[in-house]
Protein backbone atom coordinates (compact mmCIF):
# COMPACT_ATOMS: atom_id res chain seq x y z
CA UNK A 1 -12.61 85.65 108.71
CA UNK A 2 -11.07 87.32 111.31
CA UNK A 3 -7.10 87.97 111.24
CA UNK A 4 -5.39 85.24 113.33
CA UNK A 5 -3.00 86.58 116.00
CA UNK A 6 0.04 84.48 116.29
CA UNK A 7 0.59 86.18 119.83
CA UNK A 8 -2.31 84.12 121.43
CA UNK A 9 -0.75 80.91 120.40
CA UNK A 10 2.21 78.53 121.42
CA UNK A 11 5.40 79.32 120.79
CA UNK A 12 6.20 79.08 117.26
CA UNK A 13 9.81 78.03 116.04
CA UNK A 14 10.67 79.73 112.43
CA UNK A 15 13.70 79.05 110.26
CA UNK A 16 14.15 81.95 107.97
CA UNK A 17 16.76 80.70 105.28
CA UNK A 18 18.96 82.96 102.85
CA UNK A 19 20.62 81.32 100.12
CA UNK A 20 23.60 83.17 98.99
CA UNK A 21 26.19 83.29 96.33
CA UNK A 22 29.23 86.01 96.30
CA UNK A 23 26.55 88.91 97.00
CA UNK A 24 27.56 91.80 99.27
CA UNK A 25 23.68 92.97 99.36
CA UNK A 26 23.53 90.08 101.99
CA UNK A 27 24.40 92.21 104.65
CA UNK A 28 21.47 94.50 104.26
CA UNK A 29 19.08 91.29 103.83
CA UNK A 30 20.32 90.44 107.18
CA UNK A 31 20.04 93.74 108.64
CA UNK A 32 16.52 93.88 107.82
CA UNK A 33 15.69 90.51 109.29
CA UNK A 34 17.38 91.73 112.48
CA UNK A 35 14.48 94.43 112.40
CA UNK A 36 11.52 92.18 112.03
CA UNK A 37 8.75 92.99 114.33
CA UNK A 38 7.39 89.95 116.02
CA UNK A 39 4.94 88.36 118.23
CA UNK A 40 6.83 87.43 121.75
CA UNK A 41 5.99 83.89 121.05
CA UNK A 42 7.77 83.68 117.52
CA UNK A 43 11.45 82.35 117.92
CA UNK A 44 13.01 82.86 114.83
CA UNK A 45 16.63 81.41 113.62
CA UNK A 46 18.19 82.64 110.19
CA UNK A 47 20.25 80.24 108.28
CA UNK A 48 22.51 81.28 105.69
CA UNK A 49 23.31 78.81 103.00
CA UNK A 50 26.56 79.89 101.14
CA UNK A 51 26.63 78.15 97.53
CA UNK A 52 30.30 79.76 96.87
CA UNK A 53 33.10 77.20 96.76
CA UNK A 54 35.30 79.70 98.20
CA UNK A 55 32.90 80.34 101.36
CA UNK A 56 32.94 83.78 100.55
CA UNK A 57 29.77 84.63 102.85
CA UNK A 58 31.36 83.04 106.07
CA UNK A 59 33.27 86.16 107.09
CA UNK A 60 30.35 88.38 106.41
CA UNK A 61 27.85 86.35 108.28
CA UNK A 62 30.06 85.92 111.22
CA UNK A 63 30.34 89.78 111.42
CA UNK A 64 27.06 90.63 111.63
CA UNK A 65 25.71 87.67 113.63
CA UNK A 66 26.84 89.34 117.03
CA UNK A 67 24.36 92.77 115.98
CA UNK A 68 21.49 90.07 115.28
CA UNK A 69 18.47 89.50 117.85
CA UNK A 70 18.35 86.03 116.81
CA UNK A 71 20.89 83.09 116.30
CA UNK A 72 22.31 82.59 112.79
CA UNK A 73 23.36 79.46 111.34
CA UNK A 74 26.18 79.47 108.51
CA UNK A 75 25.96 76.47 106.09
CA UNK A 76 28.65 76.07 103.34
CA UNK A 77 27.35 74.02 100.52
CA UNK A 78 29.56 74.51 97.38
CA UNK A 79 28.78 73.69 93.81
CA UNK A 80 27.15 76.81 92.67
CA UNK A 81 23.79 74.86 92.81
CA UNK A 82 20.78 76.80 93.96
CA UNK A 83 18.85 73.72 94.64
CA UNK A 84 21.77 72.27 96.71
CA UNK A 85 21.69 75.35 98.84
CA UNK A 86 17.74 75.11 99.29
CA UNK A 87 18.12 71.50 100.46
CA UNK A 88 20.73 72.34 102.82
CA UNK A 89 18.15 74.56 104.39
CA UNK A 90 15.40 72.25 104.41
CA UNK A 91 17.74 69.70 105.77
CA UNK A 92 18.77 71.99 108.59
CA UNK A 93 15.64 73.61 109.63
CA UNK A 94 14.15 72.58 113.00
CA UNK A 95 11.21 75.09 113.47
CA UNK A 96 7.58 74.66 112.94
CA UNK A 97 8.11 76.86 109.80
CA UNK A 98 10.57 77.75 107.27
CA UNK A 99 10.85 80.68 105.04
CA UNK A 100 12.99 81.53 102.25
CA UNK A 101 13.93 85.17 101.38
CA UNK A 102 16.51 85.89 98.78
CA UNK A 103 19.86 87.73 99.56
CA UNK A 104 19.09 90.43 97.13
CA UNK A 105 16.25 91.81 99.00
CA UNK A 106 15.22 93.04 102.34
CA UNK A 107 12.25 92.18 104.32
CA UNK A 108 9.84 94.84 106.04
CA UNK A 109 9.16 94.59 109.48
CA UNK A 110 5.84 92.69 109.44
CA UNK A 111 6.79 90.31 106.85
CA UNK A 112 7.38 87.16 108.89
CA UNK A 113 4.40 87.83 111.25
CA UNK A 114 2.28 88.35 108.10
CA UNK A 115 2.98 85.15 106.48
CA UNK A 116 2.76 83.19 109.99
CA UNK A 117 -0.51 84.88 110.72
CA UNK A 118 -1.72 83.54 107.00
CA UNK A 119 -0.39 79.96 107.66
CA UNK A 120 -2.15 80.06 110.74
CA UNK A 121 -5.61 81.15 109.78
CA UNK A 122 -5.71 79.31 106.69
CA UNK A 123 -3.71 75.99 107.44
CA UNK A 124 -2.03 76.23 103.93
CA UNK A 125 1.24 74.19 103.45
CA UNK A 126 2.87 77.22 101.74
CA UNK A 127 2.30 80.90 102.11
CA UNK A 128 3.57 83.31 99.45
CA UNK A 129 4.24 87.18 99.92
CA UNK A 130 4.69 89.71 97.17
CA UNK A 131 8.17 90.80 95.90
CA UNK A 132 8.12 94.66 94.67
CA UNK A 133 10.90 95.81 92.77
CA UNK A 134 12.87 99.18 93.57
CA UNK A 135 13.78 101.06 90.45
CA UNK A 136 16.72 103.16 90.36
CA UNK A 137 15.96 106.64 88.54
CA UNK A 138 18.30 105.50 85.94
CA UNK A 139 16.21 102.44 85.01
CA UNK A 140 14.09 102.88 81.69
CA UNK A 141 11.00 104.69 81.89
CA UNK A 142 8.81 101.88 80.29
CA UNK A 143 10.60 99.38 82.68
CA UNK A 144 9.77 101.29 85.85
CA UNK A 145 5.87 102.13 84.48
CA UNK A 146 5.28 98.37 83.69
CA UNK A 147 7.03 97.14 86.76
CA UNK A 148 8.47 94.02 84.81
CA UNK A 149 10.62 92.56 88.09
CA UNK A 150 8.19 92.57 90.84
CA UNK A 151 6.82 88.94 91.69
CA UNK A 152 3.38 88.17 92.74
CA UNK A 153 1.37 84.72 92.62
CA UNK A 154 -0.88 83.78 89.82
CA UNK A 155 -4.30 82.49 90.29
CA UNK A 156 -5.72 79.79 88.11
CA UNK A 157 -9.43 79.01 88.82
CA UNK A 158 -9.22 80.36 92.23
CA UNK A 159 -5.90 78.56 93.19
CA UNK A 160 -2.47 79.25 93.36
CA UNK A 161 -0.66 76.46 91.57
CA UNK A 162 2.70 77.04 91.97
CA UNK A 163 5.02 79.54 93.61
CA UNK A 164 8.66 81.03 94.02
CA UNK A 165 11.24 81.09 96.57
CA UNK A 166 11.78 84.84 96.88
CA UNK A 167 9.15 85.12 99.77
CA UNK A 168 7.54 82.00 101.04
CA UNK A 169 6.86 80.21 104.25
CA UNK A 170 6.49 76.48 104.37
CA UNK A 171 4.78 74.42 107.08
CA UNK A 172 7.61 71.70 107.85
CA UNK A 173 5.20 69.27 109.28
CA UNK A 174 3.00 69.24 106.17
CA UNK A 175 3.25 65.67 104.40
CA UNK A 176 3.54 68.01 101.32
CA UNK A 177 6.70 69.67 102.31
CA UNK A 178 8.04 66.87 104.58
CA UNK A 179 10.65 65.02 102.61
CA UNK A 180 10.43 67.00 99.69
CA UNK A 181 13.39 68.34 97.94
CA UNK A 182 14.38 70.84 95.27
CA UNK A 183 15.54 69.23 91.91
CA UNK A 184 19.37 69.31 91.69
CA UNK A 185 19.11 69.01 87.98
CA UNK A 186 17.40 72.38 87.70
CA UNK A 187 20.17 74.05 90.25
CA UNK A 188 22.06 76.03 87.63
CA UNK A 189 19.45 76.55 84.87
CA UNK A 190 16.72 77.77 87.46
CA UNK A 191 13.15 76.84 87.75
CA UNK A 192 13.58 74.69 90.69
CA UNK A 193 11.15 76.63 92.65
CA UNK A 194 8.47 76.63 90.14
CA UNK A 195 8.79 72.84 90.04
CA UNK A 196 8.98 72.49 93.63
CA UNK A 197 5.61 74.24 94.19
CA UNK A 198 3.95 73.03 91.14
CA UNK A 199 4.30 69.44 92.39
CA UNK A 200 3.41 70.38 95.99
CA UNK A 201 0.27 71.62 94.65
CA UNK A 202 -0.34 68.41 91.96
CA UNK A 203 -0.05 66.37 95.07
CA UNK A 204 -2.66 68.23 97.20
CA UNK A 205 -0.79 70.81 98.83
CA UNK A 206 -2.40 74.24 99.34
CA UNK A 207 -0.56 77.46 98.56
CA UNK A 208 -1.82 80.68 100.36
CA UNK A 209 -1.18 84.36 99.70
CA UNK A 210 -0.20 86.82 102.21
CA UNK A 211 -0.47 90.35 100.94
CA UNK A 212 0.99 92.23 103.65
CA UNK A 213 4.01 90.01 103.61
CA UNK A 214 5.97 92.48 101.65
CA UNK A 215 9.72 92.21 100.42
CA UNK A 216 11.62 94.54 98.42
CA UNK A 217 13.99 93.84 95.71
CA UNK A 218 16.20 96.65 94.27
CA UNK A 219 16.86 96.03 90.85
CA UNK A 220 20.46 96.49 90.00
CA UNK A 221 21.69 98.04 86.76
CA UNK A 222 22.49 94.57 85.05
CA UNK A 223 19.12 93.22 85.57
CA UNK A 224 17.32 96.75 84.27
CA UNK A 225 18.03 95.94 80.62
CA UNK A 226 15.48 94.26 78.10
CA UNK A 227 18.17 91.48 77.42
CA UNK A 228 18.08 90.18 81.01
CA UNK A 229 14.00 90.08 80.86
CA UNK A 230 14.25 88.40 77.44
CA UNK A 231 16.47 85.86 78.88
CA UNK A 232 14.37 85.21 81.81
CA UNK A 233 11.04 84.89 80.42
CA UNK A 234 12.47 82.38 77.68
CA UNK A 235 13.99 80.45 80.65
CA UNK A 236 10.68 80.86 82.35
CA UNK A 237 8.95 79.45 79.64
CA UNK A 238 11.38 76.55 79.43
CA UNK A 239 10.42 75.55 82.74
CA UNK A 240 6.88 75.82 82.06
CA UNK A 241 7.02 73.30 78.85
CA UNK A 242 9.17 71.02 80.51
CA UNK A 243 6.64 70.59 83.56
CA UNK A 244 3.78 70.42 80.86
CA UNK A 245 5.79 67.66 79.04
CA UNK A 246 5.88 65.68 82.27
CA UNK A 247 2.61 65.93 83.35
CA UNK A 248 0.74 65.57 80.02
CA UNK A 249 3.20 63.29 77.58
CA UNK A 250 0.09 62.53 75.47
CA UNK A 251 -0.93 65.95 74.68
CA UNK A 252 2.45 67.39 73.44
CA UNK A 253 1.72 68.07 70.00
CA UNK A 254 -1.37 70.07 70.95
CA UNK A 255 0.80 71.88 73.55
CA UNK A 256 3.22 72.92 71.18
CA UNK A 257 0.68 74.34 68.90
CA UNK A 258 -1.40 75.86 71.55
CA UNK A 259 1.92 77.66 72.66
CA UNK A 260 3.12 78.49 69.04
CA UNK A 261 -0.42 80.04 68.72
CA UNK A 262 0.02 82.20 71.66
CA UNK A 263 3.42 83.27 70.79
CA UNK A 264 2.26 84.47 67.46
CA UNK A 265 -0.77 86.23 69.03
CA UNK A 266 1.74 88.28 71.45
CA UNK A 267 3.93 89.03 68.26
CA UNK A 268 1.24 90.35 66.48
CA UNK A 269 0.09 92.55 68.96
CA UNK A 270 3.82 94.24 69.48
CA UNK A 271 3.27 96.11 66.18
CA UNK A 272 -0.02 97.44 67.54
CA UNK A 273 1.30 98.69 70.64
CA UNK A 274 4.30 100.17 69.01
CA UNK A 275 3.89 103.55 70.60
CA UNK A 276 3.11 102.24 74.02
CA UNK A 277 6.57 100.99 75.27
CA UNK A 278 5.73 99.17 78.50
CA UNK A 279 2.87 97.40 76.86
CA UNK A 280 4.45 96.59 73.50
CA UNK A 281 7.55 95.01 75.66
CA UNK A 282 5.17 93.19 77.82
CA UNK A 283 3.55 91.48 74.60
CA UNK A 284 6.81 91.03 73.35
CA UNK A 285 8.00 89.39 76.34
CA UNK A 286 5.02 87.25 76.78
CA UNK A 287 5.58 86.08 73.32
CA UNK A 288 9.18 84.94 74.10
CA UNK A 289 7.99 83.02 77.18
CA UNK A 290 5.54 81.11 74.92
CA UNK A 291 8.50 80.34 72.45
CA UNK A 292 10.42 79.27 75.58
CA UNK A 293 7.51 76.96 76.28
CA UNK A 294 7.80 75.11 73.12
CA UNK A 295 11.32 74.90 73.44
CA UNK A 296 10.99 72.98 77.03
CA UNK A 297 8.20 70.81 75.11
CA UNK A 298 10.47 69.90 72.78
CA UNK A 299 12.95 68.73 75.50
CA UNK A 300 15.62 71.67 74.57
CA UNK A 301 18.14 71.87 77.37
CA UNK A 302 17.35 74.89 79.61
CA UNK A 303 19.60 77.73 79.58
CA UNK A 304 21.89 78.41 82.16
CA UNK A 305 21.49 81.26 84.66
CA UNK A 306 23.19 80.17 87.77
CA UNK A 307 26.84 79.82 88.78
CA UNK A 308 29.96 81.09 87.94
CA UNK A 309 29.00 84.95 87.62
CA UNK A 310 31.51 87.56 88.59
CA UNK A 311 31.33 88.92 92.30
CA UNK A 312 27.88 90.65 93.13
CA UNK A 313 26.14 89.74 89.91
CA UNK A 314 24.66 86.58 90.73
CA UNK A 315 21.10 85.94 89.26
CA UNK A 316 18.81 83.72 91.62
CA UNK A 317 16.58 82.31 89.22
CA UNK A 318 13.10 81.86 89.93
C-alpha cells in the first residue's frame, strides 16, 4: 500500500500532550516539538499538563512558549496522579487527533507526520511509535547491549493488543477513544496506559504502528540500574495479572499456574546464561515479570511508582 501524504488532505488539527511532574527536561521536550517538520495543512497545539501541586512547570512553559511556532496551553492538574493529567489532556483536546509524548523524551523532526500518515493510511483508532533509549557511556555494558529501556509494541497473532503513552496518536472521533479515560486508581502505581489500550483493543479498536515516528529517551543514571528494571518489570507483571484476572475470572487458578511455570522456566535459564550478562539478566527480568503477574492475579496491591519523588527524578510508569 502506498504511503499516504497528509499534505494532500484538508486541514488536520492535532493536540500534542505532555504530562509533566517536576522534570526540568521538559524544556528539551518542548524544544523538540517546536522543531517538528510538518505538512502545511497540519495545525498542532501543545498542551502541557502539570501534575505537581506547586505548579512547578508553569513558569517554564510560559518562558519557552514565545519561542515555539505553535500555541502552547498550560493546564494545572495537581494530585501527583498521572491518570488525572492524561484525562485533563483528553478533556482539553479539540483537534482531529491527540498525541502523547513523555516529558523525558525528545521527538524527531518527522515524528508527528509519520504518526498522522499511518493513521490516515490505516484508519486505526490509535497509532504507536517506537521509543528508543539513549544510554550514557557510564551505563552498564550489558544494559546498553541488551537495550532494556526502549519501548516497542508487541504483536500477538498479527495484532497489537495493548500500548503505551510515551509515543502514541489517538483519533479523537473514534468511538473507541471518545469518552474513554485513564483509570484514576492506577495513577500512582502505573499501568494506566496498558489498561487503557488493552480495553480499547478489547472493545474493537485497532492499534497500528508507525516505525518512522521515532521518539528518543535518554536514560538517566537512576534508571540505569538493575534494581530499577526489577521494580519496573514486577509492576508491569502486576498490571498484566490484574487485567487477566478481570477478563478471565473463572480461569484464575490456571493463569496462576501458567505464570508460575513461566517464571520457573525463566529462572532456570538464568544459570545457563550466567556467562552472557545481557541475556542472563533478560531471562531474570522475564521471570520477575511473571512473578508480578502472579501477584496481580492474586489481587496484591500494585507497587507505587508515581508521585512524591524528588525534583527531576519522577518516573512515568508505563
